[in-house]
């Protein structure tokens, strides 16, 4: 990246790390479109590398609220879902897949407006992990299934649990990409260049994350899911 591209990408990373540090989600959704315009060859590896320290930090910061059992079941489902995502890529066209995932994500978010609060169990965790593995592997967007499943949990628990699940998923994805020869020095160099912006955004989120109440968090989750779905639909058409 040249100087101008680095500044623009750094601003996007700073804002995205602040949002994810405060809410538990949103980094890839904000950074990926910017890098698509500035340096598409950095995707998805650079984003995955940057999210490793970010999610490790959030999970550690709110480790007291972590739902270890839920995170374990979601991660197990996500591992299996990764292979499902690879199979889906082989069966469906990119356009058909984006339309299906985008429309179903929006529908799921709308449905949750009308159903009563629920406490997710083992089945819900596994299903969320499976869907996350499929959608993240095939489309790059994996946050909405987990967010919708955990939306009625306390904000700190939701942030910590999602951060740990994201962290495990990112490691899995990077291992796959490494064996496929997709991880290159240019990705590592760009990640190092963007790391200061990531750190500033993540640390700044410390001053606001405790002020986000459960009701506001639920609204944000639903909006996040709908925007994610719309992004996929726009990409498809």
Protein backbone atom coordinates (compact mmCIF):
# COMPACT_ATOMS: atom_id res chain seq x y z
CA UNK A 1 0.00 0.00 0.00
CA UNK A 2 1.16 3.52 -0.72
CA UNK A 3 0.98 6.30 1.87
CA UNK A 4 -2.54 7.44 1.03
CA UNK A 5 -3.90 3.90 0.99
CA UNK A 6 -2.24 3.18 4.33
CA UNK A 7 -3.83 6.24 5.94
CA UNK A 8 -7.31 5.35 4.67
CA UNK A 9 -6.95 1.71 5.66
CA UNK A 10 -5.64 2.71 9.09
CA UNK A 11 -8.66 4.96 9.68
CA UNK A 12 -10.99 2.10 8.75
CA UNK A 13 -9.14 -0.32 11.03
CA UNK A 14 -9.16 2.17 13.91
CA UNK A 15 -12.91 2.74 13.63
CA UNK A 16 -13.67 -0.96 13.15
CA UNK A 17 -11.54 -2.10 16.10
CA UNK A 18 -13.27 0.48 18.28
CA UNK A 19 -16.71 -0.77 17.21
CA UNK A 20 -15.79 -4.44 17.68
CA UNK A 21 -14.07 -3.76 20.99
CA UNK A 22 -17.19 -2.01 22.25
CA UNK A 23 -19.85 -4.31 20.80
CA UNK A 24 -18.13 -7.59 20.02
CA UNK A 25 -18.71 -7.52 16.26
CA UNK A 26 -18.40 -5.47 13.09
CA UNK A 27 -14.66 -5.44 12.31
CA UNK A 28 -14.65 -7.52 9.13
CA UNK A 29 -17.88 -5.93 7.90
CA UNK A 30 -16.30 -2.46 8.13
CA UNK A 31 -12.74 -3.21 7.02
CA UNK A 32 -13.33 -5.69 4.18
CA UNK A 33 -15.19 -3.23 1.89
CA UNK A 34 -12.46 -0.61 2.37
CA UNK A 35 -9.68 -3.06 1.56
CA UNK A 36 -11.69 -4.29 -1.42
CA UNK A 37 -11.38 -0.79 -2.87
CA UNK A 38 -7.82 -0.04 -1.74
CA UNK A 39 -5.96 -3.35 -1.85
CA UNK A 40 -8.17 -6.36 -2.66
CA UNK A 41 -5.17 -8.71 -2.73
CA UNK A 42 -4.95 -8.35 1.07
CA UNK A 43 -8.31 -10.11 1.57
CA UNK A 44 -9.16 -12.18 3.51
CA UNK A 45 -5.79 -13.02 5.07
CA UNK A 46 -4.88 -9.55 6.35
CA UNK A 47 -8.28 -9.11 8.02
CA UNK A 48 -7.99 -12.53 9.70
CA UNK A 49 -4.49 -11.74 10.99
CA UNK A 50 -5.61 -8.38 12.41
CA UNK A 51 -8.58 -9.95 14.15
CA UNK A 52 -6.36 -12.37 16.09
CA UNK A 53 -4.96 -9.79 18.57
CA UNK A 54 -8.24 -7.84 18.61
CA UNK A 55 -10.39 -10.80 19.64
CA UNK A 56 -7.72 -12.10 22.00
CA UNK A 57 -7.77 -8.73 23.74
CA UNK A 58 -11.58 -8.58 24.01
CA UNK A 59 -11.79 -12.17 25.28
CA UNK A 60 -9.11 -11.50 27.90
CA UNK A 61 -10.59 -8.13 28.95
CA UNK A 62 -13.96 -9.69 29.68
CA UNK A 63 -12.82 -13.18 30.62
CA UNK A 64 -14.88 -12.97 33.83
CA UNK A 65 -18.08 -13.07 31.75
CA UNK A 66 -17.01 -15.75 29.25
CA UNK A 67 -19.43 -18.62 28.65
CA UNK A 68 -16.81 -21.35 28.19
CA UNK A 69 -19.37 -24.07 27.58
CA UNK A 70 -21.18 -22.09 24.92
CA UNK A 71 -17.92 -21.09 23.25
CA UNK A 72 -16.78 -24.72 23.15
CA UNK A 73 -19.99 -25.93 21.47
CA UNK A 74 -20.03 -23.05 18.98
CA UNK A 75 -16.37 -23.67 18.08
CA UNK A 76 -17.02 -27.39 17.60
CA UNK A 77 -19.93 -26.61 15.31
CA UNK A 78 -17.86 -24.04 13.45
CA UNK A 79 -15.08 -26.55 12.75
CA UNK A 80 -17.57 -28.96 11.16
CA UNK A 81 -19.26 -26.04 9.38
CA UNK A 82 -15.95 -25.10 7.74
CA UNK A 83 -16.03 -28.30 5.73
CA UNK A 84 -19.69 -27.64 4.98
CA UNK A 85 -18.73 -24.23 3.67
CA UNK A 86 -16.14 -25.76 1.36
CA UNK A 87 -18.78 -28.20 0.07
CA UNK A 88 -21.27 -25.38 -0.46
CA UNK A 89 -18.68 -23.46 -2.48
CA UNK A 90 -18.33 -26.47 -4.75
CA UNK A 91 -22.08 -26.86 -5.24
CA UNK A 92 -23.42 -23.31 -5.50
CA UNK A 93 -22.34 -20.30 -7.50
CA UNK A 94 -21.01 -17.34 -5.53
CA UNK A 95 -24.04 -15.26 -6.55
CA UNK A 96 -26.60 -17.89 -5.52
CA UNK A 97 -24.85 -18.42 -2.20
CA UNK A 98 -24.69 -14.69 -1.41
CA UNK A 99 -28.38 -14.28 -2.22
CA UNK A 100 -29.39 -17.23 -0.04
CA UNK A 101 -27.23 -16.30 2.96
CA UNK A 102 -28.07 -12.59 2.69
CA UNK A 103 -31.83 -13.13 2.50
CA UNK A 104 -31.87 -15.74 5.28
CA UNK A 105 -29.77 -13.52 7.57
CA UNK A 106 -32.17 -10.60 7.14
CA UNK A 107 -35.16 -12.90 7.68
CA UNK A 108 -33.63 -14.33 10.88
CA UNK A 109 -32.97 -10.84 12.25
CA UNK A 110 -36.54 -9.73 11.54
CA UNK A 111 -38.02 -12.87 13.12
CA UNK A 112 -36.10 -12.24 16.35
CA UNK A 113 -37.98 -8.96 16.77
CA UNK A 114 -41.17 -10.91 17.40
CA UNK A 115 -40.08 -13.91 19.44
CA UNK A 116 -39.64 -13.82 23.24
CA UNK A 117 -36.23 -13.76 24.91
CA UNK A 118 -34.55 -17.16 25.05
CA UNK A 119 -31.52 -18.75 26.70
CA UNK A 120 -29.54 -20.71 24.06
CA UNK A 121 -28.77 -24.35 24.82
CA UNK A 122 -26.38 -26.90 23.36
CA UNK A 123 -28.41 -27.37 20.17
CA UNK A 124 -28.59 -23.61 19.54
CA UNK A 125 -24.84 -23.24 20.11
CA UNK A 126 -23.98 -26.09 17.74
CA UNK A 127 -26.35 -24.83 15.04
CA UNK A 128 -24.92 -21.31 15.38
CA UNK A 129 -21.41 -22.72 15.02
CA UNK A 130 -22.35 -24.83 12.01
CA UNK A 131 -23.99 -21.91 10.21
CA UNK A 132 -21.08 -19.62 11.10
CA UNK A 133 -18.60 -22.11 9.68
CA UNK A 134 -20.54 -22.42 6.46
CA UNK A 135 -21.20 -18.71 5.92
CA UNK A 136 -17.78 -17.45 7.01
CA UNK A 137 -15.93 -20.00 4.88
CA UNK A 138 -18.09 -19.40 1.83
CA UNK A 139 -18.89 -15.67 2.04
CA UNK A 140 -16.51 -14.18 4.64
CA UNK A 141 -19.36 -13.06 6.93
CA UNK A 142 -19.80 -15.21 10.03
CA UNK A 143 -20.82 -12.91 12.86
CA UNK A 144 -24.64 -12.72 12.49
CA UNK A 145 -25.49 -16.36 13.41
CA UNK A 146 -23.54 -16.15 16.67
CA UNK A 147 -24.79 -12.66 17.46
CA UNK A 148 -28.44 -13.58 16.94
CA UNK A 149 -28.03 -16.68 19.12
CA UNK A 150 -26.40 -14.73 21.97
CA UNK A 151 -28.41 -11.51 21.67
CA UNK A 152 -30.35 -12.06 24.92
CA UNK A 153 -27.23 -12.71 26.99
CA UNK A 154 -25.54 -9.92 29.03
CA UNK A 155 -23.39 -7.69 26.78
CA UNK A 156 -20.11 -8.63 28.49
CA UNK A 157 -20.86 -12.35 28.12
CA UNK A 158 -21.80 -11.88 24.51
CA UNK A 159 -18.64 -9.93 23.68
CA UNK A 160 -16.30 -12.36 25.45
CA UNK A 161 -17.92 -15.50 24.07
CA UNK A 162 -18.04 -14.20 20.51
CA UNK A 163 -14.44 -12.98 20.75
CA UNK A 164 -13.18 -16.41 21.79
CA UNK A 165 -15.26 -18.12 19.08
CA UNK A 166 -13.99 -15.66 16.47
CA UNK A 167 -10.42 -16.28 17.66
CA UNK A 168 -10.72 -20.05 17.30
CA UNK A 169 -12.39 -19.66 13.91
CA UNK A 170 -9.71 -17.30 12.64
CA UNK A 171 -6.96 -19.72 13.62
CA UNK A 172 -8.80 -22.52 11.78
CA UNK A 173 -9.25 -20.35 8.68
CA UNK A 174 -5.62 -19.20 8.65
CA UNK A 175 -4.35 -22.78 8.99
CA UNK A 176 -6.44 -23.79 5.99
CA UNK A 177 -5.23 -20.77 4.01
CA UNK A 178 -1.61 -21.43 5.00
CA UNK A 179 -1.75 -25.02 3.72
CA UNK A 180 -3.35 -23.73 0.53
CA UNK A 181 -0.45 -21.33 0.02
CA UNK A 182 -2.65 -18.24 0.38
CA UNK A 183 -0.71 -16.59 3.23
CA UNK A 184 2.02 -14.35 1.82
CA UNK A 185 4.54 -11.84 3.15
CA UNK A 186 2.52 -8.91 1.79
CA UNK A 187 -0.34 -9.89 4.14
CA UNK A 188 1.97 -9.96 7.16
CA UNK A 189 3.58 -6.65 6.20
CA UNK A 190 0.22 -4.91 5.80
CA UNK A 191 -1.03 -6.34 9.11
CA UNK A 192 2.03 -4.99 10.92
CA UNK A 193 1.53 -1.57 9.31
CA UNK A 194 -2.12 -1.49 10.44
CA UNK A 195 -1.46 -2.84 13.93
CA UNK A 196 -0.98 0.61 15.58
CA UNK A 197 -4.42 1.75 14.37
CA UNK A 198 -5.91 -1.52 15.63
CA UNK A 199 -4.35 -1.01 19.05
CA UNK A 200 -5.62 2.56 19.36
CA UNK A 201 -9.18 1.57 18.46
CA UNK A 202 -9.20 -1.44 20.76
CA UNK A 203 -7.85 0.49 23.75
CA UNK A 204 -10.28 3.36 23.13
CA UNK A 205 -13.18 0.91 23.27
CA UNK A 206 -12.37 0.30 26.95
CA UNK A 207 -13.93 3.65 27.81
CA UNK A 208 -17.35 2.87 26.32
CA UNK A 209 -17.91 -0.90 26.33
CA UNK A 210 -19.32 -0.97 29.87
CA UNK A 211 -21.89 1.71 28.98
CA UNK A 212 -23.65 -0.43 26.38
CA UNK A 213 -26.75 -1.93 27.98
CA UNK A 214 -28.51 -5.13 26.95
CA UNK A 215 -31.33 -3.41 25.07
CA UNK A 216 -28.96 -1.25 23.02
CA UNK A 217 -26.79 -4.28 22.30
CA UNK A 218 -29.77 -6.25 21.00
CA UNK A 219 -30.72 -3.42 18.64
CA UNK A 220 -27.13 -3.28 17.42
CA UNK A 221 -27.07 -7.06 16.84
CA UNK A 222 -30.22 -6.95 14.76
CA UNK A 223 -28.97 -3.97 12.74
CA UNK A 224 -25.62 -5.70 12.26
CA UNK A 225 -27.32 -8.83 10.94
CA UNK A 226 -29.52 -6.87 8.54
CA UNK A 227 -26.60 -4.80 7.22
CA UNK A 228 -24.54 -7.99 6.78
CA UNK A 229 -27.36 -9.53 4.77
CA UNK A 230 -27.73 -6.41 2.63
CA UNK A 231 -23.98 -6.36 1.94
CA UNK A 232 -24.19 -9.90 0.61
CA UNK A 233 -27.23 -9.10 -1.54
CA UNK A 234 -25.58 -5.99 -2.98
CA UNK A 235 -22.43 -8.01 -3.78
CA UNK A 236 -24.59 -10.64 -5.49
CA UNK A 237 -26.38 -8.17 -7.76
